[in-house]
């Protein structure tokens, strides 16, 4: 069954605790957290201190997407908190294998994130070492953007490679996800759907989550 990961970036930041409780009650599988530094992407969000507070009040697995120029500075502070999923951008890391190995050695699931224009061929040598792959279907930095269909082909290619190599790899898609395309993403091979505005900009979170899952 497809997993749904609401993106906290689209929530009401004046009531984060309440938003998390509503997402938990609505049946979300994972809570997606975007960490932005204002350098790799033109936006600034929250860092480790806020995630530490979230970890204390959230019962869902945390999925931290590091949209930063220096992800190596965040890995051990996040694993020390018990963050379950950590993804780093291929575009920012010179030594991918070293950082992926560090994440896994610290007990978290390790993933690579790819921007829409980054070919999947850039990460094929390290694919067997990954727990998940995060495919961006918008240009990262801001919520509420329109889905880029070019990601379908990426999903199909990675899904086929993972099956050929018998890899236990989860494919995560983030950006512009809604009920109109969820079934197509699932058919292409997606395992985790990240959705922000589609969920948080409505009143019934459960209805939105179920529409993505079913």
C-alpha atoms as a PDB file:
ATOM      1  CA  UNK A   1       0.000   0.000   0.000  1.00  0.00           C
ATOM      2  CA  UNK A   2       1.166   3.498  -0.840  1.00  0.00           C
ATOM      3  CA  UNK A   3       2.484   5.576   2.068  1.00  0.00           C
ATOM      4  CA  UNK A   4       1.397   9.182   2.499  1.00  0.00           C
ATOM      5  CA  UNK A   5       3.812  11.720   3.992  1.00  0.00           C
ATOM      6  CA  UNK A   6       2.265  15.136   4.683  1.00  0.00           C
ATOM      7  CA  UNK A   7       4.799  17.936   4.320  1.00  0.00           C
ATOM      8  CA  UNK A   8       4.807  20.165   7.375  1.00  0.00           C
ATOM      9  CA  UNK A   9       6.047  23.082   5.265  1.00  0.00           C
ATOM     10  CA  UNK A  10       2.453  23.716   4.163  1.00  0.00           C
ATOM     11  CA  UNK A  11       0.969  23.605   7.674  1.00  0.00           C
ATOM     12  CA  UNK A  12      -0.041  26.419  10.009  1.00  0.00           C
ATOM     13  CA  UNK A  13       3.281  27.282  11.669  1.00  0.00           C
ATOM     14  CA  UNK A  14       1.491  29.127  14.453  1.00  0.00           C
ATOM     15  CA  UNK A  15       0.019  25.789  15.583  1.00  0.00           C
ATOM     16  CA  UNK A  16       2.552  23.107  14.669  1.00  0.00           C
ATOM     17  CA  UNK A  17       1.641  20.889  17.617  1.00  0.00           C
ATOM     18  CA  UNK A  18      -2.042  20.956  16.701  1.00  0.00           C
ATOM     19  CA  UNK A  19      -1.294  20.296  13.035  1.00  0.00           C
ATOM     20  CA  UNK A  20       0.825  17.263  13.907  1.00  0.00           C
ATOM     21  CA  UNK A  21      -1.933  15.843  16.104  1.00  0.00           C
ATOM     22  CA  UNK A  22      -4.454  16.281  13.292  1.00  0.00           C
ATOM     23  CA  UNK A  23      -2.157  14.564  10.791  1.00  0.00           C
ATOM     24  CA  UNK A  24      -1.605  11.644  13.150  1.00  0.00           C
ATOM     25  CA  UNK A  25      -5.348  11.263  13.721  1.00  0.00           C
ATOM     26  CA  UNK A  26      -5.967  11.466   9.968  1.00  0.00           C
ATOM     27  CA  UNK A  27      -3.912   8.340   9.331  1.00  0.00           C
ATOM     28  CA  UNK A  28      -0.675   9.699   7.861  1.00  0.00           C
ATOM     29  CA  UNK A  29       2.193   7.222   7.577  1.00  0.00           C
ATOM     30  CA  UNK A  30       5.176   9.582   7.783  1.00  0.00           C
ATOM     31  CA  UNK A  31       5.777  13.264   8.565  1.00  0.00           C
ATOM     32  CA  UNK A  32       7.905  14.992   5.925  1.00  0.00           C
ATOM     33  CA  UNK A  33      10.170  17.844   7.069  1.00  0.00           C
ATOM     34  CA  UNK A  34      11.936  20.164   4.625  1.00  0.00           C
ATOM     35  CA  UNK A  35      15.132  21.703   5.943  1.00  0.00           C
ATOM     36  CA  UNK A  36      16.212  24.668   3.777  1.00  0.00           C
ATOM     37  CA  UNK A  37      19.213  26.904   4.297  1.00  0.00           C
ATOM     38  CA  UNK A  38      18.543  29.819   1.934  1.00  0.00           C
ATOM     39  CA  UNK A  39      21.605  28.851  -0.144  1.00  0.00           C
ATOM     40  CA  UNK A  40      20.910  25.608  -1.988  1.00  0.00           C
ATOM     41  CA  UNK A  41      17.295  26.716  -2.351  1.00  0.00           C
ATOM     42  CA  UNK A  42      15.894  30.273  -2.145  1.00  0.00           C
ATOM     43  CA  UNK A  43      13.990  29.722   1.072  1.00  0.00           C
ATOM     44  CA  UNK A  44      14.660  29.262   4.777  1.00  0.00           C
ATOM     45  CA  UNK A  45      12.723  26.932   7.071  1.00  0.00           C
ATOM     46  CA  UNK A  46      13.638  25.203  10.326  1.00  0.00           C
ATOM     47  CA  UNK A  47      16.639  23.340  11.642  1.00  0.00           C
ATOM     48  CA  UNK A  48      17.637  20.724  14.181  1.00  0.00           C
ATOM     49  CA  UNK A  49      16.285  22.501  17.321  1.00  0.00           C
ATOM     50  CA  UNK A  50      12.748  22.608  15.880  1.00  0.00           C
ATOM     51  CA  UNK A  51      13.004  19.015  14.672  1.00  0.00           C
ATOM     52  CA  UNK A  52      14.051  17.984  18.189  1.00  0.00           C
ATOM     53  CA  UNK A  53      10.830  19.495  19.553  1.00  0.00           C
ATOM     54  CA  UNK A  54       8.765  17.848  16.805  1.00  0.00           C
ATOM     55  CA  UNK A  55      10.338  14.471  17.552  1.00  0.00           C
ATOM     56  CA  UNK A  56       9.159  14.703  21.155  1.00  0.00           C
ATOM     57  CA  UNK A  57       5.512  15.223  20.252  1.00  0.00           C
ATOM     58  CA  UNK A  58       5.144  13.217  17.032  1.00  0.00           C
ATOM     59  CA  UNK A  59       4.482   9.476  16.954  1.00  0.00           C
ATOM     60  CA  UNK A  60       5.011   9.205  13.182  1.00  0.00           C
ATOM     61  CA  UNK A  61       8.361   8.397  11.556  1.00  0.00           C
ATOM     62  CA  UNK A  62      10.130  11.609  10.562  1.00  0.00           C
ATOM     63  CA  UNK A  63      11.381  12.048   7.011  1.00  0.00           C
ATOM     64  CA  UNK A  64      13.923  14.878   6.858  1.00  0.00           C
ATOM     65  CA  UNK A  65      14.741  16.240   3.412  1.00  0.00           C
ATOM     66  CA  UNK A  66      17.989  18.206   3.601  1.00  0.00           C
ATOM     67  CA  UNK A  67      17.894  20.979   0.989  1.00  0.00           C
ATOM     68  CA  UNK A  68      21.165  22.459   2.199  1.00  0.00           C
ATOM     69  CA  UNK A  69      24.665  23.002   0.860  1.00  0.00           C
ATOM     70  CA  UNK A  70      26.344  21.216   3.789  1.00  0.00           C
ATOM     71  CA  UNK A  71      24.216  18.172   4.682  1.00  0.00           C
ATOM     72  CA  UNK A  72      27.138  16.487   6.414  1.00  0.00           C
ATOM     73  CA  UNK A  73      26.739  18.981   9.274  1.00  0.00           C
ATOM     74  CA  UNK A  74      23.175  17.803   9.912  1.00  0.00           C
ATOM     75  CA  UNK A  75      23.445  14.032   9.702  1.00  0.00           C
ATOM     76  CA  UNK A  76      24.677  13.097  13.168  1.00  0.00           C
ATOM     77  CA  UNK A  77      22.523  15.673  15.024  1.00  0.00           C
ATOM     78  CA  UNK A  78      19.486  14.219  13.226  1.00  0.00           C
ATOM     79  CA  UNK A  79      20.382  10.580  13.773  1.00  0.00           C
ATOM     80  CA  UNK A  80      20.989  11.383  17.449  1.00  0.00           C
ATOM     81  CA  UNK A  81      17.350  12.482  17.618  1.00  0.00           C
ATOM     82  CA  UNK A  82      16.225   9.170  16.136  1.00  0.00           C
ATOM     83  CA  UNK A  83      15.049  10.592  12.803  1.00  0.00           C
ATOM     84  CA  UNK A  84      13.962   7.624  10.701  1.00  0.00           C
ATOM     85  CA  UNK A  85      14.487   8.892   7.118  1.00  0.00           C
ATOM     86  CA  UNK A  86      17.217  11.303   5.981  1.00  0.00           C
ATOM     87  CA  UNK A  87      17.728  12.352   2.370  1.00  0.00           C
ATOM     88  CA  UNK A  88      20.577  14.429   0.964  1.00  0.00           C
ATOM     89  CA  UNK A  89      20.766  16.039  -2.464  1.00  0.00           C
ATOM     90  CA  UNK A  90      23.042  14.495  -5.039  1.00  0.00           C
ATOM     91  CA  UNK A  91      23.665  18.003  -6.339  1.00  0.00           C
ATOM     92  CA  UNK A  92      25.311  19.183  -3.103  1.00  0.00           C
ATOM     93  CA  UNK A  93      27.468  16.246  -1.988  1.00  0.00           C
ATOM     94  CA  UNK A  94      30.935  15.443  -3.304  1.00  0.00           C
ATOM     95  CA  UNK A  95      31.264  12.127  -1.470  1.00  0.00           C
ATOM     96  CA  UNK A  96      27.850  10.501  -1.629  1.00  0.00           C
ATOM     97  CA  UNK A  97      28.897   7.055  -0.504  1.00  0.00           C
ATOM     98  CA  UNK A  98      30.583   8.437   2.614  1.00  0.00           C
ATOM     99  CA  UNK A  99      27.489  10.358   3.703  1.00  0.00           C
ATOM    100  CA  UNK A 100      25.061   7.554   2.867  1.00  0.00           C
ATOM    101  CA  UNK A 101      27.214   5.120   4.832  1.00  0.00           C
ATOM    102  CA  UNK A 102      27.256   7.516   7.796  1.00  0.00           C
ATOM    103  CA  UNK A 103      23.462   7.841   7.828  1.00  0.00           C
ATOM    104  CA  UNK A 104      22.993   4.065   7.752  1.00  0.00           C
ATOM    105  CA  UNK A 105      25.677   3.410  10.352  1.00  0.00           C
ATOM    106  CA  UNK A 106      23.846   5.772  12.715  1.00  0.00           C
ATOM    107  CA  UNK A 107      20.639   3.740  12.372  1.00  0.00           C
ATOM    108  CA  UNK A 108      18.561   5.889  10.015  1.00  0.00           C
ATOM    109  CA  UNK A 109      17.287   5.104   6.541  1.00  0.00           C
ATOM    110  CA  UNK A 110      19.419   6.804   3.912  1.00  0.00           C
ATOM    111  CA  UNK A 111      18.152   8.403   0.746  1.00  0.00           C
ATOM    112  CA  UNK A 112      19.272  10.594  -2.105  1.00  0.00           C
ATOM    113  CA  UNK A 113      17.102  13.410  -3.464  1.00  0.00           C
ATOM    114  CA  UNK A 114      17.231  14.388  -7.127  1.00  0.00           C
ATOM    115  CA  UNK A 115      16.081  17.677  -8.605  1.00  0.00           C
ATOM    116  CA  UNK A 116      13.796  17.449 -11.654  1.00  0.00           C
ATOM    117  CA  UNK A 117      16.592  18.168 -14.153  1.00  0.00           C
ATOM    118  CA  UNK A 118      19.123  15.775 -12.578  1.00  0.00           C
ATOM    119  CA  UNK A 119      19.381  12.480 -14.505  1.00  0.00           C
ATOM    120  CA  UNK A 120      18.928   9.270 -12.522  1.00  0.00           C
ATOM    121  CA  UNK A 121      22.128   7.959 -14.127  1.00  0.00           C
ATOM    122  CA  UNK A 122      24.106  10.137 -11.711  1.00  0.00           C
ATOM    123  CA  UNK A 123      23.214   7.908  -8.760  1.00  0.00           C
ATOM    124  CA  UNK A 124      23.109   4.435 -10.337  1.00  0.00           C
ATOM    125  CA  UNK A 125      26.482   3.348  -8.858  1.00  0.00           C
ATOM    126  CA  UNK A 126      25.199   3.992  -5.343  1.00  0.00           C
ATOM    127  CA  UNK A 127      21.629   2.752  -5.864  1.00  0.00           C
ATOM    128  CA  UNK A 128      22.219  -0.595  -4.047  1.00  0.00           C
ATOM    129  CA  UNK A 129      23.296   1.327  -0.925  1.00  0.00           C
ATOM    130  CA  UNK A 130      20.112   3.367  -0.655  1.00  0.00           C
ATOM    131  CA  UNK A 131      17.019   2.690   1.419  1.00  0.00           C
ATOM    132  CA  UNK A 132      14.961   5.176  -0.584  1.00  0.00           C
ATOM    133  CA  UNK A 133      15.182   7.640  -3.448  1.00  0.00           C
ATOM    134  CA  UNK A 134      13.401  10.991  -3.296  1.00  0.00           C
ATOM    135  CA  UNK A 135      12.434  12.267  -6.742  1.00  0.00           C
ATOM    136  CA  UNK A 136      11.523  15.948  -6.815  1.00  0.00           C
ATOM    137  CA  UNK A 137       8.604  16.656  -9.138  1.00  0.00           C
ATOM    138  CA  UNK A 138       8.947  20.429  -8.677  1.00  0.00           C
ATOM    139  CA  UNK A 139      12.001  22.636  -8.338  1.00  0.00           C
ATOM    140  CA  UNK A 140      12.711  22.625  -4.583  1.00  0.00           C
ATOM    141  CA  UNK A 141      12.329  25.633  -2.342  1.00  0.00           C
ATOM    142  CA  UNK A 142       8.646  26.499  -2.195  1.00  0.00           C
ATOM    143  CA  UNK A 143       5.374  24.631  -1.700  1.00  0.00           C
ATOM    144  CA  UNK A 144       2.313  24.836  -3.901  1.00  0.00           C
ATOM    145  CA  UNK A 145       4.099  24.361  -7.240  1.00  0.00           C
ATOM    146  CA  UNK A 146       2.693  22.495 -10.228  1.00  0.00           C
ATOM    147  CA  UNK A 147       3.726  18.853 -10.770  1.00  0.00           C
ATOM    148  CA  UNK A 148       6.308  18.208 -13.518  1.00  0.00           C
ATOM    149  CA  UNK A 149       5.302  15.099 -15.542  1.00  0.00           C
ATOM    150  CA  UNK A 150       8.912  14.292 -16.459  1.00  0.00           C
ATOM    151  CA  UNK A 151       9.187  12.457 -13.131  1.00  0.00           C
ATOM    152  CA  UNK A 152       7.013   9.572 -14.378  1.00  0.00           C
ATOM    153  CA  UNK A 153       9.784   8.269 -16.606  1.00  0.00           C
ATOM    154  CA  UNK A 154      12.290   8.529 -13.747  1.00  0.00           C
ATOM    155  CA  UNK A 155      10.027   6.509 -11.463  1.00  0.00           C
ATOM    156  CA  UNK A 156       9.527   3.768 -14.045  1.00  0.00           C
ATOM    157  CA  UNK A 157      13.256   3.491 -14.763  1.00  0.00           C
ATOM    158  CA  UNK A 158      14.238   3.327 -11.097  1.00  0.00           C
ATOM    159  CA  UNK A 159      11.453   0.863 -10.286  1.00  0.00           C
ATOM    160  CA  UNK A 160      12.595  -1.407 -13.121  1.00  0.00           C
ATOM    161  CA  UNK A 161      16.238  -1.225 -12.028  1.00  0.00           C
ATOM    162  CA  UNK A 162      15.348  -1.922  -8.400  1.00  0.00           C
ATOM    163  CA  UNK A 163      13.351  -4.999  -9.401  1.00  0.00           C
ATOM    164  CA  UNK A 164      16.104  -6.245 -11.704  1.00  0.00           C
ATOM    165  CA  UNK A 165      18.676  -5.886  -8.929  1.00  0.00           C
ATOM    166  CA  UNK A 166      16.259  -7.147  -6.250  1.00  0.00           C
ATOM    167  CA  UNK A 167      16.728  -4.022  -4.178  1.00  0.00           C
ATOM    168  CA  UNK A 168      14.558  -3.078  -1.214  1.00  0.00           C
ATOM    169  CA  UNK A 169      14.275   0.505  -2.387  1.00  0.00           C
ATOM    170  CA  UNK A 170      11.389   2.856  -1.662  1.00  0.00           C
ATOM    171  CA  UNK A 171      10.645   5.502  -4.290  1.00  0.00           C
ATOM    172  CA  UNK A 172       9.391   8.769  -2.839  1.00  0.00           C
ATOM    173  CA  UNK A 173       7.852  11.586  -4.900  1.00  0.00           C
ATOM    174  CA  UNK A 174       7.618  15.170  -3.667  1.00  0.00           C
ATOM    175  CA  UNK A 175       6.023  18.158  -5.383  1.00  0.00           C
ATOM    176  CA  UNK A 176       2.575  18.990  -6.710  1.00  0.00           C
ATOM    177  CA  UNK A 177       1.126  15.644  -5.643  1.00  0.00           C
ATOM    178  CA  UNK A 178      -2.682  15.417  -5.593  1.00  0.00           C
ATOM    179  CA  UNK A 179      -5.481  12.907  -6.088  1.00  0.00           C
ATOM    180  CA  UNK A 180      -5.520  13.469  -9.867  1.00  0.00           C
ATOM    181  CA  UNK A 181      -2.052  11.960 -10.324  1.00  0.00           C
ATOM    182  CA  UNK A 182      -1.661   9.674  -7.287  1.00  0.00           C
ATOM    183  CA  UNK A 183      -2.840   6.561  -9.126  1.00  0.00           C
ATOM    184  CA  UNK A 184      -0.437   7.252 -12.015  1.00  0.00           C
ATOM    185  CA  UNK A 185       2.456   7.695  -9.602  1.00  0.00           C
ATOM    186  CA  UNK A 186       1.599   4.434  -7.892  1.00  0.00           C
ATOM    187  CA  UNK A 187       1.310   2.629 -11.236  1.00  0.00           C
ATOM    188  CA  UNK A 188       4.734   3.947 -12.250  1.00  0.00           C
ATOM    189  CA  UNK A 189       6.255   2.473  -9.077  1.00  0.00           C
ATOM    190  CA  UNK A 190       6.091   5.143  -6.380  1.00  0.00           C
ATOM    191  CA  UNK A 191       5.927   3.941  -2.763  1.00  0.00           C
ATOM    192  CA  UNK A 192       5.742   7.208  -0.782  1.00  0.00           C
ATOM    193  CA  UNK A 193       3.789  10.311  -1.789  1.00  0.00           C
ATOM    194  CA  UNK A 194       4.694  13.624  -0.175  1.00  0.00           C
ATOM    195  CA  UNK A 195       1.893  16.188  -0.200  1.00  0.00           C
ATOM    196  CA  UNK A 196       1.787  19.599   1.435  1.00  0.00           C
ATOM    197  CA  UNK A 197      -0.745  22.087   0.127  1.00  0.00           C
ATOM    198  CA  UNK A 198      -3.072  19.330  -1.075  1.00  0.00           C
ATOM    199  CA  UNK A 199      -3.536  18.165   2.529  1.00  0.00           C
ATOM    200  CA  UNK A 200      -2.964  21.181   4.759  1.00  0.00           C
ATOM    201  CA  UNK A 201      -4.955  23.687   2.717  1.00  0.00           C
ATOM    202  CA  UNK A 202      -8.149  21.645   3.253  1.00  0.00           C
ATOM    203  CA  UNK A 203     -10.226  21.108   6.392  1.00  0.00           C
ATOM    204  CA  UNK A 204     -10.536  17.306   6.344  1.00  0.00           C
ATOM    205  CA  UNK A 205      -6.999  15.895   6.415  1.00  0.00           C
ATOM    206  CA  UNK A 206      -8.222  12.304   6.571  1.00  0.00           C
ATOM    207  CA  UNK A 207     -10.230  12.692   3.375  1.00  0.00           C
ATOM    208  CA  UNK A 208      -7.229  14.141   1.554  1.00  0.00           C
ATOM    209  CA  UNK A 209      -4.874  11.400   2.766  1.00  0.00           C
ATOM    210  CA  UNK A 210      -7.288   8.636   1.842  1.00  0.00           C
ATOM    211  CA  UNK A 211      -7.801  10.118  -1.622  1.00  0.00           C
ATOM    212  CA  UNK A 212      -4.058   9.821  -2.230  1.00  0.00           C
ATOM    213  CA  UNK A 213      -3.818   6.332  -0.811  1.00  0.00           C
ATOM    214  CA  UNK A 214      -6.853   4.861  -2.592  1.00  0.00           C
END
